[in-house]
Amino acid sequence: MTIKDLQNDVDKWITTIGVRYFSELTNMAILTEEVGELARIISRTYGEQSFKKETTEDKKKEMLADEMADVLWVLTCLANQTGVNLESAIKKNILKKTGRDIDRHKNNPKLM
């Protein structure tokens, strides 16, 4: 699936099953909520916090993937609503980071 396909599939789902997009402000709040849920899974999987009950590694990976997909879904909704072509935007962003950081990380003693 390309990013363009993702944007098209989300738009089709929203307009056929979801009825309509929530407002941009509502979707921003939902995105923040979803990022928090992703943070909770990461803090329990890789940090010092623990899950409330025994959780298998497979279940942790499944939950992590699901939360990442939720974040991507809402971000895609916001892109669709605001007319952002995510495929074009990420290509431009990679070029920006490459030009800005071409030697920055290689010369960072903290990363050695």
PDB file of N, CA and C in Angstrom:
ATOM      1  N   MET A   1       0.847  -1.181   0.000  1.00  0.00           N
ATOM      2  CA  MET A   1       0.000   0.000   0.000  1.00  0.00           C
ATOM      3  C   MET A   1       0.889   1.241   0.000  1.00  0.00           C
ATOM      4  N   THR A   2       0.603   2.165  -0.876  1.00  0.00           N
ATOM      5  CA  THR A   2       1.322   3.433  -0.877  1.00  0.00           C
ATOM      6  C   THR A   2       0.653   4.388   0.109  1.00  0.00           C
ATOM      7  N   ILE A   3       1.321   5.477   0.382  1.00  0.00           N
ATOM      8  CA  ILE A   3       0.714   6.485   1.252  1.00  0.00           C
ATOM      9  C   ILE A   3      -0.519   7.083   0.573  1.00  0.00           C
ATOM     10  N   LYS A   4      -0.443   7.255  -0.746  1.00  0.00           N
ATOM     11  CA  LYS A   4      -1.608   7.748  -1.490  1.00  0.00           C
ATOM     12  C   LYS A   4      -2.774   6.775  -1.347  1.00  0.00           C
ATOM     13  N   ASP A   5      -2.488   5.467  -1.456  1.00  0.00           N
ATOM     14  CA  ASP A   5      -3.534   4.456  -1.265  1.00  0.00           C
ATOM     15  C   ASP A   5      -4.133   4.564   0.138  1.00  0.00           C
ATOM     16  N   LEU A   6      -3.265   4.753   1.129  1.00  0.00           N
ATOM     17  CA  LEU A   6      -3.733   4.896   2.508  1.00  0.00           C
ATOM     18  C   LEU A   6      -4.698   6.070   2.621  1.00  0.00           C
ATOM     19  N   GLN A   7      -4.297   7.214   2.082  1.00  0.00           N
ATOM     20  CA  GLN A   7      -5.166   8.387   2.167  1.00  0.00           C
ATOM     21  C   GLN A   7      -6.496   8.131   1.451  1.00  0.00           C
ATOM     22  N   ASN A   8      -6.445   7.473   0.306  1.00  0.00           N
ATOM     23  CA  ASN A   8      -7.681   7.166  -0.424  1.00  0.00           C
ATOM     24  C   ASN A   8      -8.552   6.173   0.338  1.00  0.00           C
ATOM     25  N   ASP A   9      -7.935   5.126   0.904  1.00  0.00           N
ATOM     26  CA  ASP A   9      -8.700   4.111   1.645  1.00  0.00           C
ATOM     27  C   ASP A   9      -9.356   4.696   2.894  1.00  0.00           C
ATOM     28  N   VAL A  10      -8.618   5.536   3.609  1.00  0.00           N
ATOM     29  CA  VAL A  10      -9.189   6.170   4.799  1.00  0.00           C
ATOM     30  C   VAL A  10     -10.346   7.075   4.395  1.00  0.00           C
ATOM     31  N   ASP A  11     -10.164   7.860   3.337  1.00  0.00           N
ATOM     32  CA  ASP A  11     -11.233   8.747   2.891  1.00  0.00           C
ATOM     33  C   ASP A  11     -12.470   7.950   2.479  1.00  0.00           C
ATOM     34  N   LYS A  12     -12.268   6.857   1.772  1.00  0.00           N
ATOM     35  CA  LYS A  12     -13.412   6.021   1.362  1.00  0.00           C
ATOM     36  C   LYS A  12     -14.133   5.464   2.585  1.00  0.00           C
ATOM     37  N   TRP A  13     -13.375   4.989   3.585  1.00  0.00           N
ATOM     38  CA  TRP A  13     -13.989   4.450   4.793  1.00  0.00           C
ATOM     39  C   TRP A  13     -14.774   5.532   5.523  1.00  0.00           C
ATOM     40  N   ILE A  14     -14.150   6.689   5.683  1.00  0.00           N
ATOM     41  CA  ILE A  14     -14.802   7.790   6.405  1.00  0.00           C
ATOM     42  C   ILE A  14     -16.106   8.179   5.723  1.00  0.00           C
ATOM     43  N   THR A  15     -16.100   8.281   4.407  1.00  0.00           N
ATOM     44  CA  THR A  15     -17.283   8.780   3.701  1.00  0.00           C
ATOM     45  C   THR A  15     -18.349   7.712   3.479  1.00  0.00           C
ATOM     46  N   THR A  16     -18.017   6.440   3.680  1.00  0.00           N
ATOM     47  CA  THR A  16     -19.023   5.392   3.497  1.00  0.00           C
ATOM     48  C   THR A  16     -19.466   4.766   4.817  1.00  0.00           C
ATOM     49  N   ILE A  17     -18.531   4.509   5.704  1.00  0.00           N
ATOM     50  CA  ILE A  17     -18.843   3.848   6.980  1.00  0.00           C
ATOM     51  C   ILE A  17     -18.872   4.845   8.134  1.00  0.00           C
ATOM     52  N   GLY A  18     -17.942   5.762   8.124  1.00  0.00           N
ATOM     53  CA  GLY A  18     -17.849   6.730   9.215  1.00  0.00           C
ATOM     54  C   GLY A  18     -18.771   7.922   9.072  1.00  0.00           C
ATOM     55  N   VAL A  19     -19.480   8.021   7.986  1.00  0.00           N
ATOM     56  CA  VAL A  19     -20.433   9.085   7.657  1.00  0.00           C
ATOM     57  C   VAL A  19     -19.726  10.372   7.242  1.00  0.00           C
ATOM     58  N   ARG A  20     -18.858  10.910   8.098  1.00  0.00           N
ATOM     59  CA  ARG A  20     -18.120  12.138   7.777  1.00  0.00           C
ATOM     60  C   ARG A  20     -16.921  12.234   8.709  1.00  0.00           C
ATOM     61  N   TYR A  21     -16.012  13.122   8.360  1.00  0.00           N
ATOM     62  CA  TYR A  21     -14.861  13.385   9.231  1.00  0.00           C
ATOM     63  C   TYR A  21     -15.327  14.142  10.468  1.00  0.00           C
ATOM     64  N   PHE A  22     -14.696  13.845  11.602  1.00  0.00           N
ATOM     65  CA  PHE A  22     -14.847  14.725  12.759  1.00  0.00           C
ATOM     66  C   PHE A  22     -14.148  16.031  12.411  1.00  0.00           C
ATOM     67  N   SER A  23     -14.391  17.073  13.154  1.00  0.00           N
ATOM     68  CA  SER A  23     -13.713  18.347  12.891  1.00  0.00           C
ATOM     69  C   SER A  23     -12.210  18.169  13.091  1.00  0.00           C
ATOM     70  N   GLU A  24     -11.466  19.080  12.491  1.00  0.00           N
ATOM     71  CA  GLU A  24     -10.004  19.028  12.634  1.00  0.00           C
ATOM     72  C   GLU A  24      -9.591  19.119  14.103  1.00  0.00           C
ATOM     73  N   LEU A  25     -10.256  19.968  14.848  1.00  0.00           N
ATOM     74  CA  LEU A  25      -9.921  20.120  16.264  1.00  0.00           C
ATOM     75  C   LEU A  25     -10.221  18.829  17.033  1.00  0.00           C
ATOM     76  N   THR A  26     -11.358  18.208  16.755  1.00  0.00           N
ATOM     77  CA  THR A  26     -11.682  16.933  17.398  1.00  0.00           C
ATOM     78  C   THR A  26     -10.657  15.882  17.023  1.00  0.00           C
ATOM     79  N   ASN A  27     -10.290  15.818  15.737  1.00  0.00           N
ATOM     80  CA  ASN A  27      -9.294  14.830  15.326  1.00  0.00           C
ATOM     81  C   ASN A  27      -7.931  15.099  15.949  1.00  0.00           C
ATOM     82  N   MET A  28      -7.588  16.354  16.169  1.00  0.00           N
ATOM     83  CA  MET A  28      -6.322  16.657  16.848  1.00  0.00           C
ATOM     84  C   MET A  28      -6.352  16.130  18.276  1.00  0.00           C
ATOM     85  N   ALA A  29      -7.483  16.291  18.944  1.00  0.00           N
ATOM     86  CA  ALA A  29      -7.625  15.771  20.307  1.00  0.00           C
ATOM     87  C   ALA A  29      -7.558  14.238  20.298  1.00  0.00           C
ATOM     88  N   ILE A  30      -8.195  13.614  19.307  1.00  0.00           N
ATOM     89  CA  ILE A  30      -8.146  12.151  19.196  1.00  0.00           C
ATOM     90  C   ILE A  30      -6.716  11.686  18.923  1.00  0.00           C
ATOM     91  N   LEU A  31      -5.994  12.408  18.063  1.00  0.00           N
ATOM     92  CA  LEU A  31      -4.596  12.056  17.781  1.00  0.00           C
ATOM     93  C   LEU A  31      -3.765  12.103  19.058  1.00  0.00           C
ATOM     94  N   THR A  32      -3.971  13.128  19.859  1.00  0.00           N
ATOM     95  CA  THR A  32      -3.251  13.254  21.129  1.00  0.00           C
ATOM     96  C   THR A  32      -3.572  12.079  22.043  1.00  0.00           C
ATOM     97  N   GLU A  33      -4.832  11.698  22.093  1.00  0.00           N
ATOM     98  CA  GLU A  33      -5.247  10.539  22.894  1.00  0.00           C
ATOM     99  C   GLU A  33      -4.570   9.259  22.400  1.00  0.00           C
ATOM    100  N   GLU A  34      -4.555   9.072  21.098  1.00  0.00           N
ATOM    101  CA  GLU A  34      -3.951   7.858  20.531  1.00  0.00           C
ATOM    102  C   GLU A  34      -2.445   7.809  20.778  1.00  0.00           C
ATOM    103  N   VAL A  35      -1.774   8.957  20.685  1.00  0.00           N
ATOM    104  CA  VAL A  35      -0.339   9.004  20.983  1.00  0.00           C
ATOM    105  C   VAL A  35      -0.104   8.641  22.450  1.00  0.00           C
ATOM    106  N   GLY A  36      -0.986   9.088  23.332  1.00  0.00           N
ATOM    107  CA  GLY A  36      -0.887   8.712  24.749  1.00  0.00           C
ATOM    108  C   GLY A  36      -1.037   7.217  24.955  1.00  0.00           C
ATOM    109  N   GLU A  37      -1.964   6.596  24.219  1.00  0.00           N
ATOM    110  CA  GLU A  37      -2.137   5.148  24.326  1.00  0.00           C
ATOM    111  C   GLU A  37      -0.903   4.415  23.804  1.00  0.00           C
ATOM    112  N   LEU A  38      -0.306   4.927  22.741  1.00  0.00           N
ATOM    113  CA  LEU A  38       0.942   4.354  22.221  1.00  0.00           C
ATOM    114  C   LEU A  38       2.061   4.502  23.252  1.00  0.00           C
ATOM    115  N   ALA A  39       2.136   5.656  23.883  1.00  0.00           N
ATOM    116  CA  ALA A  39       3.155   5.892  24.911  1.00  0.00           C
ATOM    117  C   ALA A  39       2.993   4.925  26.084  1.00  0.00           C
ATOM    118  N   ARG A  40       1.749   4.646  26.461  1.00  0.00           N
ATOM    119  CA  ARG A  40       1.496   3.710  27.556  1.00  0.00           C
ATOM    120  C   ARG A  40       2.050   2.319  27.214  1.00  0.00           C
ATOM    121  N   ILE A  41       1.804   1.849  26.008  1.00  0.00           N
ATOM    122  CA  ILE A  41       2.300   0.529  25.595  1.00  0.00           C
ATOM    123  C   ILE A  41       3.823   0.521  25.569  1.00  0.00           C
ATOM    124  N   ILE A  42       4.429   1.563  25.036  1.00  0.00           N
ATOM    125  CA  ILE A  42       5.894   1.629  24.958  1.00  0.00           C
ATOM    126  C   ILE A  42       6.505   1.706  26.348  1.00  0.00           C
ATOM    127  N   SER A  43       5.904   2.483  27.244  1.00  0.00           N
ATOM    128  CA  SER A  43       6.471   2.609  28.599  1.00  0.00           C
ATOM    129  C   SER A  43       6.392   1.296  29.364  1.00  0.00           C
ATOM    130  N   ARG A  44       5.374   0.506  29.077  1.00  0.00           N
ATOM    131  CA  ARG A  44       5.232  -0.780  29.761  1.00  0.00           C
ATOM    132  C   ARG A  44       6.074  -1.871  29.106  1.00  0.00           C
ATOM    133  N   THR A  45       6.300  -1.748  27.813  1.00  0.00           N
ATOM    134  CA  THR A  45       7.083  -2.759  27.100  1.00  0.00           C
ATOM    135  C   THR A  45       8.580  -2.509  27.241  1.00  0.00           C
ATOM    136  N   TYR A  46       9.008  -1.253  27.133  1.00  0.00           N
ATOM    137  CA  TYR A  46      10.440  -0.928  27.106  1.00  0.00           C
ATOM    138  C   TYR A  46      10.911  -0.130  28.314  1.00  0.00           C
ATOM    139  N   GLY A  47       9.992   0.398  29.089  1.00  0.00           N
ATOM    140  CA  GLY A  47      10.367   1.219  30.236  1.00  0.00           C
ATOM    141  C   GLY A  47      10.201   0.477  31.548  1.00  0.00           C
ATOM    142  N   GLU A  48      10.130   1.233  32.613  1.00  0.00           N
ATOM    143  CA  GLU A  48      10.077   0.652  33.954  1.00  0.00           C
ATOM    144  C   GLU A  48       8.675   0.255  34.396  1.00  0.00           C
ATOM    145  N   GLN A  49       7.647   0.780  33.755  1.00  0.00           N
ATOM    146  CA  GLN A  49       6.290   0.415  34.162  1.00  0.00           C
ATOM    147  C   GLN A  49       5.978  -1.019  33.739  1.00  0.00           C
ATOM    148  N   SER A  50       5.010  -1.613  34.406  1.00  0.00           N
ATOM    149  CA  SER A  50       4.619  -2.979  34.052  1.00  0.00           C
ATOM    150  C   SER A  50       3.148  -3.004  33.656  1.00  0.00           C
ATOM    151  N   PHE A  51       2.773  -4.061  32.955  1.00  0.00           N
ATOM    152  CA  PHE A  51       1.372  -4.259  32.598  1.00  0.00           C
ATOM    153  C   PHE A  51       0.626  -4.715  33.849  1.00  0.00           C
ATOM    154  N   LYS A  52      -0.670  -4.469  33.890  1.00  0.00           N
ATOM    155  CA  LYS A  52      -1.474  -4.839  35.058  1.00  0.00           C
ATOM    156  C   LYS A  52      -1.572  -6.353  35.220  1.00  0.00           C
ATOM    157  N   LYS A  53      -1.519  -7.081  34.110  1.00  0.00           N
ATOM    158  CA  LYS A  53      -1.562  -8.533  34.172  1.00  0.00           C
ATOM    159  C   LYS A  53      -0.507  -9.086  33.218  1.00  0.00           C
ATOM    160  N   GLU A  54      -0.185 -10.333  33.389  1.00  0.00           N
ATOM    161  CA  GLU A  54       0.815 -10.986  32.544  1.00  0.00           C
ATOM    162  C   GLU A  54       0.443 -10.810  31.070  1.00  0.00           C
ATOM    163  N   THR A  55       1.387 -10.325  30.281  1.00  0.00           N
ATOM    164  CA  THR A  55       1.153 -10.074  28.867  1.00  0.00           C
ATOM    165  C   THR A  55       2.267 -10.721  28.061  1.00  0.00           C
ATOM    166  N   THR A  56       1.895 -11.547  27.100  1.00  0.00           N
ATOM    167  CA  THR A  56       2.892 -12.241  26.281  1.00  0.00           C
ATOM    168  C   THR A  56       3.585 -11.262  25.341  1.00  0.00           C
ATOM    169  N   GLU A  57       4.747 -11.655  24.858  1.00  0.00           N
ATOM    170  CA  GLU A  57       5.475 -10.818  23.904  1.00  0.00           C
ATOM    171  C   GLU A  57       4.665 -10.632  22.626  1.00  0.00           C
ATOM    172  N   ASP A  58       3.987 -11.674  22.181  1.00  0.00           N
ATOM    173  CA  ASP A  58       3.147 -11.564  20.986  1.00  0.00           C
ATOM    174  C   ASP A  58       2.022 -10.562  21.200  1.00  0.00           C
ATOM    175  N   LYS A  59       1.407 -10.579  22.364  1.00  0.00           N
ATOM    176  CA  LYS A  59       0.326  -9.643  22.679  1.00  0.00           C
ATOM    177  C   LYS A  59       0.863  -8.215  22.740  1.00  0.00           C
ATOM    178  N   LYS A  60       2.055  -8.036  23.314  1.00  0.00           N
ATOM    179  CA  LYS A  60       2.659  -6.702  23.377  1.00  0.00           C
ATOM    180  C   LYS A  60       2.897  -6.161  21.966  1.00  0.00           C
ATOM    181  N   LYS A  61       3.411  -7.002  21.077  1.00  0.00           N
ATOM    182  CA  LYS A  61       3.657  -6.579  19.693  1.00  0.00           C
ATOM    183  C   LYS A  61       2.347  -6.249  18.992  1.00  0.00           C
ATOM    184  N   GLU A  62       1.323  -7.039  19.246  1.00  0.00           N
ATOM    185  CA  GLU A  62       0.007  -6.797  18.650  1.00  0.00           C
ATOM    186  C   GLU A  62      -0.568  -5.471  19.125  1.00  0.00           C
ATOM    187  N   MET A  63      -0.466  -5.197  20.420  1.00  0.00           N
ATOM    188  CA  MET A  63      -0.982  -3.941  20.980  1.00  0.00           C
ATOM    189  C   MET A  63      -0.194  -2.743  20.441  1.00  0.00           C
ATOM    190  N   LEU A  64       1.130  -2.890  20.337  1.00  0.00           N
ATOM    191  CA  LEU A  64       1.979  -1.817  19.822  1.00  0.00           C
ATOM    192  C   LEU A  64       1.603  -1.496  18.379  1.00  0.00           C
ATOM    193  N   ALA A  65       1.450  -2.520  17.559  1.00  0.00           N
ATOM    194  CA  ALA A  65       1.078  -2.313  16.152  1.00  0.00           C
ATOM    195  C   ALA A  65      -0.289  -1.651  16.047  1.00  0.00           C
ATOM    196  N   ASP A  66      -1.232  -2.083  16.859  1.00  0.00           N
ATOM    197  CA  ASP A  66      -2.581  -1.528  16.815  1.00  0.00           C
ATOM    198  C   ASP A  66      -2.579  -0.052  17.192  1.00  0.00           C
ATOM    199  N   GLU A  67      -1.833   0.312  18.217  1.00  0.00           N
ATOM    200  CA  GLU A  67      -1.778   1.726  18.625  1.00  0.00           C
ATOM    201  C   GLU A  67      -1.072   2.577  17.584  1.00  0.00           C
ATOM    202  N   MET A  68      -0.017   2.045  16.967  1.00  0.00           N
ATOM    203  CA  MET A  68       0.654   2.787  15.897  1.00  0.00           C
ATOM    204  C   MET A  68      -0.289   2.998  14.723  1.00  0.00           C
ATOM    205  N   ALA A  69      -1.077   1.969  14.395  1.00  0.00           N
ATOM    206  CA  ALA A  69      -2.043   2.089  13.305  1.00  0.00           C
ATOM    207  C   ALA A  69      -3.108   3.131  13.645  1.00  0.00           C
ATOM    208  N   ASP A  70      -3.541   3.192  14.902  1.00  0.00           N
ATOM    209  CA  ASP A  70      -4.515   4.208  15.310  1.00  0.00           C
ATOM    210  C   ASP A  70      -3.953   5.616  15.108  1.00  0.00           C
ATOM    211  N   VAL A  71      -2.688   5.818  15.481  1.00  0.00           N
ATOM    212  CA  VAL A  71      -2.046   7.124  15.302  1.00  0.00           C
ATOM    213  C   VAL A  71      -1.989   7.471  13.811  1.00  0.00           C
ATOM    214  N   LEU A  72      -1.571   6.500  13.000  1.00  0.00           N
ATOM    215  CA  LEU A  72      -1.468   6.731  11.560  1.00  0.00           C
ATOM    216  C   LEU A  72      -2.836   7.026  10.950  1.00  0.00           C
ATOM    217  N   TRP A  73      -3.862   6.337  11.406  1.00  0.00           N
ATOM    218  CA  TRP A  73      -5.228   6.549  10.918  1.00  0.00           C
ATOM    219  C   TRP A  73      -5.675   7.997  11.144  1.00  0.00           C
ATOM    220  N   VAL A  74      -5.540   8.471  12.370  1.00  0.00           N
ATOM    221  CA  VAL A  74      -6.029   9.816  12.685  1.00  0.00           C
ATOM    222  C   VAL A  74      -5.167  10.871  11.994  1.00  0.00           C
ATOM    223  N   LEU A  75      -3.867  10.643  11.919  1.00  0.00           N
ATOM    224  CA  LEU A  75      -2.988  11.565  11.201  1.00  0.00           C
ATOM    225  C   LEU A  75      -3.390  11.628   9.723  1.00  0.00           C
ATOM    226  N   THR A  76      -3.750  10.491   9.164  1.00  0.00           N
ATOM    227  CA  THR A  76      -4.206  10.447   7.777  1.00  0.00           C
ATOM    228  C   THR A  76      -5.519  11.204   7.617  1.00  0.00           C
ATOM    229  N   CYS A  77      -6.419  11.068   8.569  1.00  0.00           N
ATOM    230  CA  CYS A  77      -7.665  11.842   8.537  1.00  0.00           C
ATOM    231  C   CYS A  77      -7.362  13.335   8.510  1.00  0.00           C
ATOM    232  N   LEU A  78      -6.471  13.776   9.373  1.00  0.00           N
ATOM    233  CA  LEU A  78      -6.124  15.199   9.417  1.00  0.00           C
ATOM    234  C   LEU A  78      -5.498  15.660   8.102  1.00  0.00           C
ATOM    235  N   ALA A  79      -4.648  14.826   7.523  1.00  0.00           N
ATOM    236  CA  ALA A  79      -4.042  15.179   6.231  1.00  0.00           C
ATOM    237  C   ALA A  79      -5.120  15.313   5.161  1.00  0.00           C
ATOM    238  N   ASN A  80      -6.036  14.369   5.132  1.00  0.00           N
ATOM    239  CA  ASN A  80      -7.121  14.433   4.145  1.00  0.00           C
ATOM    240  C   ASN A  80      -7.969  15.684   4.335  1.00  0.00           C
ATOM    241  N   GLN A  81      -8.294  15.992   5.557  1.00  0.00           N
ATOM    242  CA  GLN A  81      -9.150  17.147   5.849  1.00  0.00           C
ATOM    243  C   GLN A  81      -8.495  18.468   5.479  1.00  0.00           C
ATOM    244  N   THR A  82      -7.181  18.526   5.619  1.00  0.00           N
ATOM    245  CA  THR A  82      -6.471  19.789   5.415  1.00  0.00           C
ATOM    246  C   THR A  82      -5.789  19.873   4.057  1.00  0.00           C
ATOM    247  N   GLY A  83      -6.000  18.846   3.224  1.00  0.00           N
ATOM    248  CA  GLY A  83      -5.448  18.872   1.872  1.00  0.00           C
ATOM    249  C   GLY A  83      -3.963  18.602   1.788  1.00  0.00           C
ATOM    250  N   VAL A  84      -3.412  17.907   2.768  1.00  0.00           N
ATOM    251  CA  VAL A  84      -1.989  17.585   2.757  1.00  0.00           C
ATOM    252  C   VAL A  84      -1.777  16.247   2.054  1.00  0.00           C
ATOM    253  N   ASN A  85      -0.893  16.244   1.066  1.00  0.00           N
ATOM    254  CA  ASN A  85      -0.470  15.017   0.401  1.00  0.00           C
ATOM    255  C   ASN A  85       0.686  14.468   1.228  1.00  0.00           C
ATOM    256  N   LEU A  86       0.412  13.438   2.022  1.00  0.00           N
ATOM    257  CA  LEU A  86       1.433  12.909   2.935  1.00  0.00           C
ATOM    258  C   LEU A  86       2.634  12.330   2.205  1.00  0.00           C
ATOM    259  N   GLU A  87       2.407  11.738   1.049  1.00  0.00           N
ATOM    260  CA  GLU A  87       3.513  11.152   0.291  1.00  0.00           C
ATOM    261  C   GLU A  87       4.505  12.247  -0.126  1.00  0.00           C
ATOM    262  N   SER A  88       3.974  13.329  -0.642  1.00  0.00           N
ATOM    263  CA  SER A  88       4.811  14.458  -1.027  1.00  0.00           C
ATOM    264  C   SER A  88       5.464  15.098   0.198  1.00  0.00           C
ATOM    265  N   ALA A  89       4.689  15.236   1.269  1.00  0.00           N
ATOM    266  CA  ALA A  89       5.204  15.879   2.487  1.00  0.00           C
ATOM    267  C   ALA A  89       6.361  15.091   3.091  1.00  0.00           C
ATOM    268  N   ILE A  90       6.252  13.747   3.127  1.00  0.00           N
ATOM    269  CA  ILE A  90       7.333  12.967   3.746  1.00  0.00           C
ATOM    270  C   ILE A  90       8.585  12.978   2.876  1.00  0.00           C
ATOM    271  N   LYS A  91       8.410  12.999   1.558  1.00  0.00           N
ATOM    272  CA  LYS A  91       9.579  13.097   0.666  1.00  0.00           C
ATOM    273  C   LYS A  91      10.321  14.404   0.901  1.00  0.00           C
ATOM    274  N   LYS A  92       9.567  15.510   0.988  1.00  0.00           N
ATOM    275  CA  LYS A  92      10.178  16.815   1.259  1.00  0.00           C
ATOM    276  C   LYS A  92      10.839  16.829   2.630  1.00  0.00           C
ATOM    277  N   ASN A  93      10.216  16.191   3.614  1.00  0.00           N
ATOM    278  CA  ASN A  93      10.747  16.159   4.968  1.00  0.00           C
ATOM    279  C   ASN A  93      12.062  15.389   5.026  1.00  0.00           C
ATOM    280  N   ILE A  94      12.141  14.276   4.294  1.00  0.00           N
ATOM    281  CA  ILE A  94      13.385  13.493   4.250  1.00  0.00           C
ATOM    282  C   ILE A  94      14.503  14.320   3.619  1.00  0.00           C
ATOM    283  N   LEU A  95      14.196  15.024   2.538  1.00  0.00           N
ATOM    284  CA  LEU A  95      15.203  15.886   1.909  1.00  0.00           C
ATOM    285  C   LEU A  95      15.675  16.978   2.866  1.00  0.00           C
ATOM    286  N   LYS A  96      14.734  17.575   3.599  1.00  0.00           N
ATOM    287  CA  LYS A  96      15.082  18.621   4.569  1.00  0.00           C
ATOM    288  C   LYS A  96      16.023  18.069   5.640  1.00  0.00           C
ATOM    289  N   LYS A  97      15.663  16.915   6.200  1.00  0.00           N
ATOM    290  CA  LYS A  97      16.476  16.321   7.255  1.00  0.00           C
ATOM    291  C   LYS A  97      17.850  15.903   6.724  1.00  0.00           C
ATOM    292  N   THR A  98      17.893  15.404   5.502  1.00  0.00           N
ATOM    293  CA  THR A  98      19.164  14.977   4.912  1.00  0.00           C
ATOM    294  C   THR A  98      20.095  16.169   4.749  1.00  0.00           C
ATOM    295  N   GLY A  99      19.585  17.257   4.202  1.00  0.00           N
ATOM    296  CA  GLY A  99      20.411  18.448   4.027  1.00  0.00           C
ATOM    297  C   GLY A  99      20.859  19.048   5.343  1.00  0.00           C
ATOM    298  N   ARG A 100      19.990  19.059   6.298  1.00  0.00           N
ATOM    299  CA  ARG A 100      20.278  19.675   7.601  1.00  0.00           C
ATOM    300  C   ARG A 100      21.214  18.815   8.446  1.00  0.00           C
ATOM    301  N   ASP A 101      21.046  17.515   8.355  1.00  0.00           N
ATOM    302  CA  ASP A 101      21.722  16.617   9.298  1.00  0.00           C
ATOM    303  C   ASP A 101      22.757  15.704   8.651  1.00  0.00           C
ATOM    304  N   ILE A 102      23.245  16.059   7.449  1.00  0.00           N
ATOM    305  CA  ILE A 102      24.139  15.177   6.706  1.00  0.00           C
ATOM    306  C   ILE A 102      25.336  14.714   7.544  1.00  0.00           C
ATOM    307  N   ASP A 103      25.900  15.583   8.365  1.00  0.00           N
ATOM    308  CA  ASP A 103      27.034  15.204   9.204  1.00  0.00           C
ATOM    309  C   ASP A 103      26.737  15.301  10.695  1.00  0.00           C
ATOM    310  N   ARG A 104      25.633  15.881  11.031  1.00  0.00           N
ATOM    311  CA  ARG A 104      25.305  16.174  12.433  1.00  0.00           C
ATOM    312  C   ARG A 104      25.380  14.943  13.332  1.00  0.00           C
ATOM    313  N   HIS A 105      24.739  13.875  12.954  1.00  0.00           N
ATOM    314  CA  HIS A 105      24.683  12.688  13.826  1.00  0.00           C
ATOM    315  C   HIS A 105      25.985  11.899  13.791  1.00  0.00           C
ATOM    316  N   LYS A 106      26.671  11.900  12.647  1.00  0.00           N
ATOM    317  CA  LYS A 106      27.955  11.203  12.545  1.00  0.00           C
ATOM    318  C   LYS A 106      28.997  11.854  13.460  1.00  0.00           C
ATOM    319  N   ASN A 107      28.864  13.137  13.693  1.00  0.00           N
ATOM    320  CA  ASN A 107      29.840  13.886  14.494  1.00  0.00           C
ATOM    321  C   ASN A 107      29.377  14.099  15.936  1.00  0.00           C
ATOM    322  N   ASN A 108      28.312  13.445  16.332  1.00  0.00           N
ATOM    323  CA  ASN A 108      27.783  13.618  17.676  1.00  0.00           C
ATOM    324  C   ASN A 108      28.424  12.581  18.609  1.00  0.00           C
ATOM    325  N   PRO A 109      29.291  13.010  19.518  1.00  0.00           N
ATOM    326  CA  PRO A 109      29.955  12.050  20.409  1.00  0.00           C
ATOM    327  C   PRO A 109      28.988  11.290  21.318  1.00  0.00           C
ATOM    328  N   LYS A 110      27.802  11.838  21.526  1.00  0.00           N
ATOM    329  CA  LYS A 110      26.810  11.157  22.344  1.00  0.00           C
ATOM    330  C   LYS A 110      26.286   9.897  21.668  1.00  0.00           C
ATOM    331  N   LEU A 111      26.453   9.816  20.361  1.00  0.00           N
ATOM    332  CA  LEU A 111      25.951   8.658  19.617  1.00  0.00           C
ATOM    333  C   LEU A 111      27.052   7.642  19.319  1.00  0.00           C
ATOM    334  N   MET A 112      28.235   7.924  19.785  1.00  0.00           N
ATOM    335  CA  MET A 112      29.365   6.997  19.514  1.00  0.00           C
ATOM    336  C   MET A 112      29.404   5.889  20.548  1.00  0.00           C
TER     337      MET A 112
END
